[in-house]
Amino acid sequence: MLNLKQMRIKAGFKRLYDVAKIIGVGANTLSRWETGKREPSLEQIRNLAQIYHCTPNELLGADEKSPGE
């Protein structure tokens, strides 16, 4: 699952609106991404990763180890 909300807060953005404005989407759209109701495109994931100062893999949770590793 995407770690969007955690990464947004870690990057210092408390309000959805601030990030949504930067990447050119509505706050409702970003909220749907964070709650898993919708998924951002690859380009949008890249944009978010730049804003949050992380990799796209970190946003996607791909750097996390599976249980038992």
PDB file of N, CA and C in Angstrom:
ATOM      1  N   MET A   1       0.847  -1.189   0.000  1.00  0.00           N
ATOM      2  CA  MET A   1       0.000   0.000   0.000  1.00  0.00           C
ATOM      3  C   MET A   1       0.886   1.244   0.000  1.00  0.00           C
ATOM      4  N   LEU A   2       0.381   2.273  -0.579  1.00  0.00           N
ATOM      5  CA  LEU A   2       1.123   3.523  -0.651  1.00  0.00           C
ATOM      6  C   LEU A   2       1.290   4.146   0.733  1.00  0.00           C
ATOM      7  N   ASN A   3       2.427   4.766   0.945  1.00  0.00           N
ATOM      8  CA  ASN A   3       2.746   5.443   2.200  1.00  0.00           C
ATOM      9  C   ASN A   3       2.617   6.952   2.048  1.00  0.00           C
ATOM     10  N   LEU A   4       1.669   7.394   1.274  1.00  0.00           N
ATOM     11  CA  LEU A   4       1.604   8.815   0.925  1.00  0.00           C
ATOM     12  C   LEU A   4       1.398   9.731   2.121  1.00  0.00           C
ATOM     13  N   LYS A   5       0.479   9.400   2.992  1.00  0.00           N
ATOM     14  CA  LYS A   5       0.209  10.291   4.118  1.00  0.00           C
ATOM     15  C   LYS A   5       1.418  10.391   5.043  1.00  0.00           C
ATOM     16  N   GLN A   6       2.030   9.245   5.351  1.00  0.00           N
ATOM     17  CA  GLN A   6       3.194   9.256   6.228  1.00  0.00           C
ATOM     18  C   GLN A   6       4.330  10.065   5.617  1.00  0.00           C
ATOM     19  N   MET A   7       4.550   9.892   4.321  1.00  0.00           N
ATOM     20  CA  MET A   7       5.632  10.621   3.653  1.00  0.00           C
ATOM     21  C   MET A   7       5.323  12.116   3.582  1.00  0.00           C
ATOM     22  N   ARG A   8       4.066  12.472   3.373  1.00  0.00           N
ATOM     23  CA  ARG A   8       3.676  13.891   3.330  1.00  0.00           C
ATOM     24  C   ARG A   8       3.960  14.554   4.671  1.00  0.00           C
ATOM     25  N   ILE A   9       3.560  13.899   5.734  1.00  0.00           N
ATOM     26  CA  ILE A   9       3.768  14.462   7.070  1.00  0.00           C
ATOM     27  C   ILE A   9       5.261  14.520   7.398  1.00  0.00           C
ATOM     28  N   LYS A  10       5.990  13.459   7.063  1.00  0.00           N
ATOM     29  CA  LYS A  10       7.434  13.430   7.299  1.00  0.00           C
ATOM     30  C   LYS A  10       8.146  14.560   6.557  1.00  0.00           C
ATOM     31  N   ALA A  11       7.629  14.920   5.369  1.00  0.00           N
ATOM     32  CA  ALA A  11       8.231  15.989   4.573  1.00  0.00           C
ATOM     33  C   ALA A  11       7.830  17.378   5.082  1.00  0.00           C
ATOM     34  N   GLY A  12       6.961  17.423   6.095  1.00  0.00           N
ATOM     35  CA  GLY A  12       6.600  18.705   6.699  1.00  0.00           C
ATOM     36  C   GLY A  12       5.335  19.341   6.152  1.00  0.00           C
ATOM     37  N   PHE A  13       4.586  18.603   5.374  1.00  0.00           N
ATOM     38  CA  PHE A  13       3.330  19.123   4.832  1.00  0.00           C
ATOM     39  C   PHE A  13       2.170  18.621   5.679  1.00  0.00           C
ATOM     40  N   LYS A  14       1.557  19.516   6.440  1.00  0.00           N
ATOM     41  CA  LYS A  14       0.437  19.117   7.281  1.00  0.00           C
ATOM     42  C   LYS A  14      -0.873  19.126   6.498  1.00  0.00           C
ATOM     43  N   ARG A  15      -0.973  20.012   5.516  1.00  0.00           N
ATOM     44  CA  ARG A  15      -2.231  20.154   4.787  1.00  0.00           C
ATOM     45  C   ARG A  15      -2.139  19.511   3.408  1.00  0.00           C
ATOM     46  N   LEU A  16      -3.165  18.735   3.069  1.00  0.00           N
ATOM     47  CA  LEU A  16      -3.266  18.138   1.741  1.00  0.00           C
ATOM     48  C   LEU A  16      -3.233  19.216   0.663  1.00  0.00           C
ATOM     49  N   TYR A  17      -3.923  20.297   0.921  1.00  0.00           N
ATOM     50  CA  TYR A  17      -4.073  21.359  -0.065  1.00  0.00           C
ATOM     51  C   TYR A  17      -2.725  21.862  -0.565  1.00  0.00           C
ATOM     52  N   ASP A  18      -1.758  21.995   0.329  1.00  0.00           N
ATOM     53  CA  ASP A  18      -0.454  22.530  -0.065  1.00  0.00           C
ATOM     54  C   ASP A  18       0.231  21.648  -1.105  1.00  0.00           C
ATOM     55  N   VAL A  19       0.218  20.346  -0.877  1.00  0.00           N
ATOM     56  CA  VAL A  19       0.838  19.413  -1.820  1.00  0.00           C
ATOM     57  C   VAL A  19       0.024  19.344  -3.102  1.00  0.00           C
ATOM     58  N   ALA A  20      -1.286  19.277  -2.972  1.00  0.00           N
ATOM     59  CA  ALA A  20      -2.159  19.192  -4.145  1.00  0.00           C
ATOM     60  C   ALA A  20      -1.935  20.377  -5.073  1.00  0.00           C
ATOM     61  N   LYS A  21      -1.793  21.548  -4.507  1.00  0.00           N
ATOM     62  CA  LYS A  21      -1.566  22.752  -5.306  1.00  0.00           C
ATOM     63  C   LYS A  21      -0.240  22.665  -6.063  1.00  0.00           C
ATOM     64  N   ILE A  22       0.797  22.160  -5.412  1.00  0.00           N
ATOM     65  CA  ILE A  22       2.117  22.048  -6.037  1.00  0.00           C
ATOM     66  C   ILE A  22       2.082  21.110  -7.235  1.00  0.00           C
ATOM     67  N   ILE A  23       1.396  19.976  -7.103  1.00  0.00           N
ATOM     68  CA  ILE A  23       1.400  18.996  -8.192  1.00  0.00           C
ATOM     69  C   ILE A  23       0.240  19.170  -9.161  1.00  0.00           C
ATOM     70  N   GLY A  24      -0.653  20.119  -8.868  1.00  0.00           N
ATOM     71  CA  GLY A  24      -1.706  20.450  -9.816  1.00  0.00           C
ATOM     72  C   GLY A  24      -2.915  19.531  -9.808  1.00  0.00           C
ATOM     73  N   VAL A  25      -3.257  18.992  -8.627  1.00  0.00           N
ATOM     74  CA  VAL A  25      -4.473  18.198  -8.487  1.00  0.00           C
ATOM     75  C   VAL A  25      -5.290  18.780  -7.345  1.00  0.00           C
ATOM     76  N   GLY A  26      -6.529  18.343  -7.233  1.00  0.00           N
ATOM     77  CA  GLY A  26      -7.369  18.797  -6.141  1.00  0.00           C
ATOM     78  C   GLY A  26      -7.020  18.095  -4.836  1.00  0.00           C
ATOM     79  N   ALA A  27      -7.310  18.737  -3.731  1.00  0.00           N
ATOM     80  CA  ALA A  27      -7.057  18.131  -2.422  1.00  0.00           C
ATOM     81  C   ALA A  27      -7.860  16.841  -2.264  1.00  0.00           C
ATOM     82  N   ASN A  28      -9.058  16.793  -2.848  1.00  0.00           N
ATOM     83  CA  ASN A  28      -9.859  15.568  -2.783  1.00  0.00           C
ATOM     84  C   ASN A  28      -9.170  14.418  -3.499  1.00  0.00           C
ATOM     85  N   THR A  29      -8.527  14.712  -4.612  1.00  0.00           N
ATOM     86  CA  THR A  29      -7.798  13.685  -5.352  1.00  0.00           C
ATOM     87  C   THR A  29      -6.659  13.129  -4.509  1.00  0.00           C
ATOM     88  N   LEU A  30      -5.883  14.014  -3.904  1.00  0.00           N
ATOM     89  CA  LEU A  30      -4.769  13.587  -3.059  1.00  0.00           C
ATOM     90  C   LEU A  30      -5.287  12.782  -1.865  1.00  0.00           C
ATOM     91  N   SER A  31      -6.388  13.197  -1.289  1.00  0.00           N
ATOM     92  CA  SER A  31      -6.985  12.461  -0.186  1.00  0.00           C
ATOM     93  C   SER A  31      -7.377  11.049  -0.610  1.00  0.00           C
ATOM     94  N   ARG A  32      -7.936  10.917  -1.800  1.00  0.00           N
ATOM     95  CA  ARG A  32      -8.307   9.584  -2.304  1.00  0.00           C
ATOM     96  C   ARG A  32      -7.074   8.703  -2.511  1.00  0.00           C
ATOM     97  N   TRP A  33      -5.968   9.306  -2.949  1.00  0.00           N
ATOM     98  CA  TRP A  33      -4.730   8.549  -3.090  1.00  0.00           C
ATOM     99  C   TRP A  33      -4.263   8.055  -1.720  1.00  0.00           C
ATOM    100  N   GLU A  34      -4.313   8.944  -0.734  1.00  0.00           N
ATOM    101  CA  GLU A  34      -3.829   8.593   0.599  1.00  0.00           C
ATOM    102  C   GLU A  34      -4.685   7.528   1.268  1.00  0.00           C
ATOM    103  N   THR A  35      -5.966   7.500   0.969  1.00  0.00           N
ATOM    104  CA  THR A  35      -6.859   6.517   1.587  1.00  0.00           C
ATOM    105  C   THR A  35      -6.988   5.238   0.767  1.00  0.00           C
ATOM    106  N   GLY A  36      -6.367   5.209  -0.409  1.00  0.00           N
ATOM    107  CA  GLY A  36      -6.406   4.014  -1.237  1.00  0.00           C
ATOM    108  C   GLY A  36      -7.638   3.875  -2.113  1.00  0.00           C
ATOM    109  N   LYS A  37      -8.451   4.917  -2.175  1.00  0.00           N
ATOM    110  CA  LYS A  37      -9.642   4.868  -3.021  1.00  0.00           C
ATOM    111  C   LYS A  37      -9.299   5.044  -4.495  1.00  0.00           C
ATOM    112  N   ARG A  38      -8.198   5.679  -4.767  1.00  0.00           N
ATOM    113  CA  ARG A  38      -7.685   5.868  -6.127  1.00  0.00           C
ATOM    114  C   ARG A  38      -6.164   5.722  -6.068  1.00  0.00           C
ATOM    115  N   GLU A  39      -5.564   5.546  -7.237  1.00  0.00           N
ATOM    116  CA  GLU A  39      -4.108   5.446  -7.308  1.00  0.00           C
ATOM    117  C   GLU A  39      -3.561   6.511  -8.248  1.00  0.00           C
ATOM    118  N   PRO A  40      -2.462   7.148  -7.846  1.00  0.00           N
ATOM    119  CA  PRO A  40      -1.832   8.143  -8.725  1.00  0.00           C
ATOM    120  C   PRO A  40      -1.135   7.447  -9.889  1.00  0.00           C
ATOM    121  N   SER A  41      -0.936   8.198 -10.958  1.00  0.00           N
ATOM    122  CA  SER A  41      -0.198   7.676 -12.102  1.00  0.00           C
ATOM    123  C   SER A  41       1.288   7.612 -11.742  1.00  0.00           C
ATOM    124  N   LEU A  42       2.055   6.956 -12.579  1.00  0.00           N
ATOM    125  CA  LEU A  42       3.499   6.868 -12.357  1.00  0.00           C
ATOM    126  C   LEU A  42       4.127   8.258 -12.331  1.00  0.00           C
ATOM    127  N   GLU A  43       3.693   9.118 -13.241  1.00  0.00           N
ATOM    128  CA  GLU A  43       4.212  10.493 -13.263  1.00  0.00           C
ATOM    129  C   GLU A  43       3.889  11.224 -11.962  1.00  0.00           C
ATOM    130  N   GLN A  44       2.687  11.041 -11.456  1.00  0.00           N
ATOM    131  CA  GLN A  44       2.296  11.695 -10.208  1.00  0.00           C
ATOM    132  C   GLN A  44       3.089  11.136  -9.029  1.00  0.00           C
ATOM    133  N   ILE A  45       3.383   9.841  -9.055  1.00  0.00           N
ATOM    134  CA  ILE A  45       4.215   9.244  -8.002  1.00  0.00           C
ATOM    135  C   ILE A  45       5.611   9.851  -8.034  1.00  0.00           C
ATOM    136  N   ARG A  46       6.137  10.027  -9.219  1.00  0.00           N
ATOM    137  CA  ARG A  46       7.464  10.664  -9.348  1.00  0.00           C
ATOM    138  C   ARG A  46       7.441  12.085  -8.808  1.00  0.00           C
ATOM    139  N   ASN A  47       6.392  12.846  -9.132  1.00  0.00           N
ATOM    140  CA  ASN A  47       6.272  14.220  -8.635  1.00  0.00           C
ATOM    141  C   ASN A  47       6.196  14.243  -7.112  1.00  0.00           C
ATOM    142  N   LEU A  48       5.390  13.356  -6.550  1.00  0.00           N
ATOM    143  CA  LEU A  48       5.270  13.298  -5.096  1.00  0.00           C
ATOM    144  C   LEU A  48       6.606  12.935  -4.452  1.00  0.00           C
ATOM    145  N   ALA A  49       7.323  12.001  -5.054  1.00  0.00           N
ATOM    146  CA  ALA A  49       8.620  11.598  -4.505  1.00  0.00           C
ATOM    147  C   ALA A  49       9.588  12.779  -4.474  1.00  0.00           C
ATOM    148  N   GLN A  50       9.567  13.596  -5.513  1.00  0.00           N
ATOM    149  CA  GLN A  50      10.428  14.789  -5.520  1.00  0.00           C
ATOM    150  C   GLN A  50      10.053  15.741  -4.402  1.00  0.00           C
ATOM    151  N   ILE A  51       8.769  15.978  -4.241  1.00  0.00           N
ATOM    152  CA  ILE A  51       8.297  16.908  -3.211  1.00  0.00           C
ATOM    153  C   ILE A  51       8.606  16.377  -1.815  1.00  0.00           C
ATOM    154  N   TYR A  52       8.448  15.066  -1.630  1.00  0.00           N
ATOM    155  CA  TYR A  52       8.638  14.459  -0.313  1.00  0.00           C
ATOM    156  C   TYR A  52      10.090  14.051  -0.058  1.00  0.00           C
ATOM    157  N   HIS A  53      10.970  14.304  -1.017  1.00  0.00           N
ATOM    158  CA  HIS A  53      12.396  13.987  -0.878  1.00  0.00           C
ATOM    159  C   HIS A  53      12.617  12.510  -0.545  1.00  0.00           C
ATOM    160  N   CYS A  54      12.018  11.668  -1.379  1.00  0.00           N
ATOM    161  CA  CYS A  54      12.187  10.225  -1.215  1.00  0.00           C
ATOM    162  C   CYS A  54      12.160   9.588  -2.599  1.00  0.00           C
ATOM    163  N   THR A  55      12.265   8.291  -2.644  1.00  0.00           N
ATOM    164  CA  THR A  55      12.193   7.588  -3.923  1.00  0.00           C
ATOM    165  C   THR A  55      10.763   7.129  -4.180  1.00  0.00           C
ATOM    166  N   PRO A  56      10.413   6.907  -5.440  1.00  0.00           N
ATOM    167  CA  PRO A  56       9.096   6.330  -5.716  1.00  0.00           C
ATOM    168  C   PRO A  56       8.905   4.991  -4.996  1.00  0.00           C
ATOM    169  N   ASN A  57       9.966   4.200  -4.885  1.00  0.00           N
ATOM    170  CA  ASN A  57       9.866   2.920  -4.174  1.00  0.00           C
ATOM    171  C   ASN A  57       9.471   3.111  -2.715  1.00  0.00           C
ATOM    172  N   GLU A  58       9.996   4.156  -2.089  1.00  0.00           N
ATOM    173  CA  GLU A  58       9.626   4.425  -0.699  1.00  0.00           C
ATOM    174  C   GLU A  58       8.143   4.767  -0.599  1.00  0.00           C
ATOM    175  N   LEU A  59       7.638   5.549  -1.540  1.00  0.00           N
ATOM    176  CA  LEU A  59       6.209   5.881  -1.535  1.00  0.00           C
ATOM    177  C   LEU A  59       5.348   4.640  -1.698  1.00  0.00           C
ATOM    178  N   LEU A  60       5.824   3.714  -2.504  1.00  0.00           N
ATOM    179  CA  LEU A  60       5.068   2.502  -2.776  1.00  0.00           C
ATOM    180  C   LEU A  60       5.267   1.427  -1.718  1.00  0.00           C
ATOM    181  N   GLY A  61       6.173   1.676  -0.779  1.00  0.00           N
ATOM    182  CA  GLY A  61       6.448   0.708   0.270  1.00  0.00           C
ATOM    183  C   GLY A  61       7.331  -0.431  -0.210  1.00  0.00           C
ATOM    184  N   ALA A  62       7.959  -0.274  -1.367  1.00  0.00           N
ATOM    185  CA  ALA A  62       8.760  -1.344  -1.956  1.00  0.00           C
ATOM    186  C   ALA A  62      10.083  -1.553  -1.236  1.00  0.00           C
ATOM    187  N   ASP A  63      10.518  -0.587  -0.438  1.00  0.00           N
ATOM    188  CA  ASP A  63      11.778  -0.733   0.281  1.00  0.00           C
ATOM    189  C   ASP A  63      11.602  -1.438   1.619  1.00  0.00           C
ATOM    190  N   GLU A  64      10.340  -1.722   1.986  1.00  0.00           N
ATOM    191  CA  GLU A  64      10.077  -2.397   3.252  1.00  0.00           C
ATOM    192  C   GLU A  64      10.331  -3.887   3.075  1.00  0.00           C
ATOM    193  N   LYS A  65      10.847  -4.506   4.113  1.00  0.00           N
ATOM    194  CA  LYS A  65      11.117  -5.942   4.077  1.00  0.00           C
ATOM    195  C   LYS A  65       9.830  -6.704   4.391  1.00  0.00           C
ATOM    196  N   SER A  66       9.697  -7.843   3.761  1.00  0.00           N
ATOM    197  CA  SER A  66       8.564  -8.715   4.031  1.00  0.00           C
ATOM    198  C   SER A  66       8.749  -9.386   5.381  1.00  0.00           C
ATOM    199  N   PRO A  67       7.645  -9.768   6.037  1.00  0.00           N
ATOM    200  CA  PRO A  67       7.779 -10.485   7.308  1.00  0.00           C
ATOM    201  C   PRO A  67       8.634 -11.725   7.122  1.00  0.00           C
ATOM    202  N   GLY A  68       9.531 -11.963   8.065  1.00  0.00           N
ATOM    203  CA  GLY A  68      10.381 -13.130   8.011  1.00  0.00           C
ATOM    204  C   GLY A  68      11.718 -12.908   7.342  1.00  0.00           C
ATOM    205  N   GLU A  69      11.950 -11.732   6.800  1.00  0.00           N
ATOM    206  CA  GLU A  69      13.240 -11.446   6.147  1.00  0.00           C
ATOM    207  C   GLU A  69      14.220 -10.867   7.128  1.00  0.00           C
TER     208      GLU A  69
END
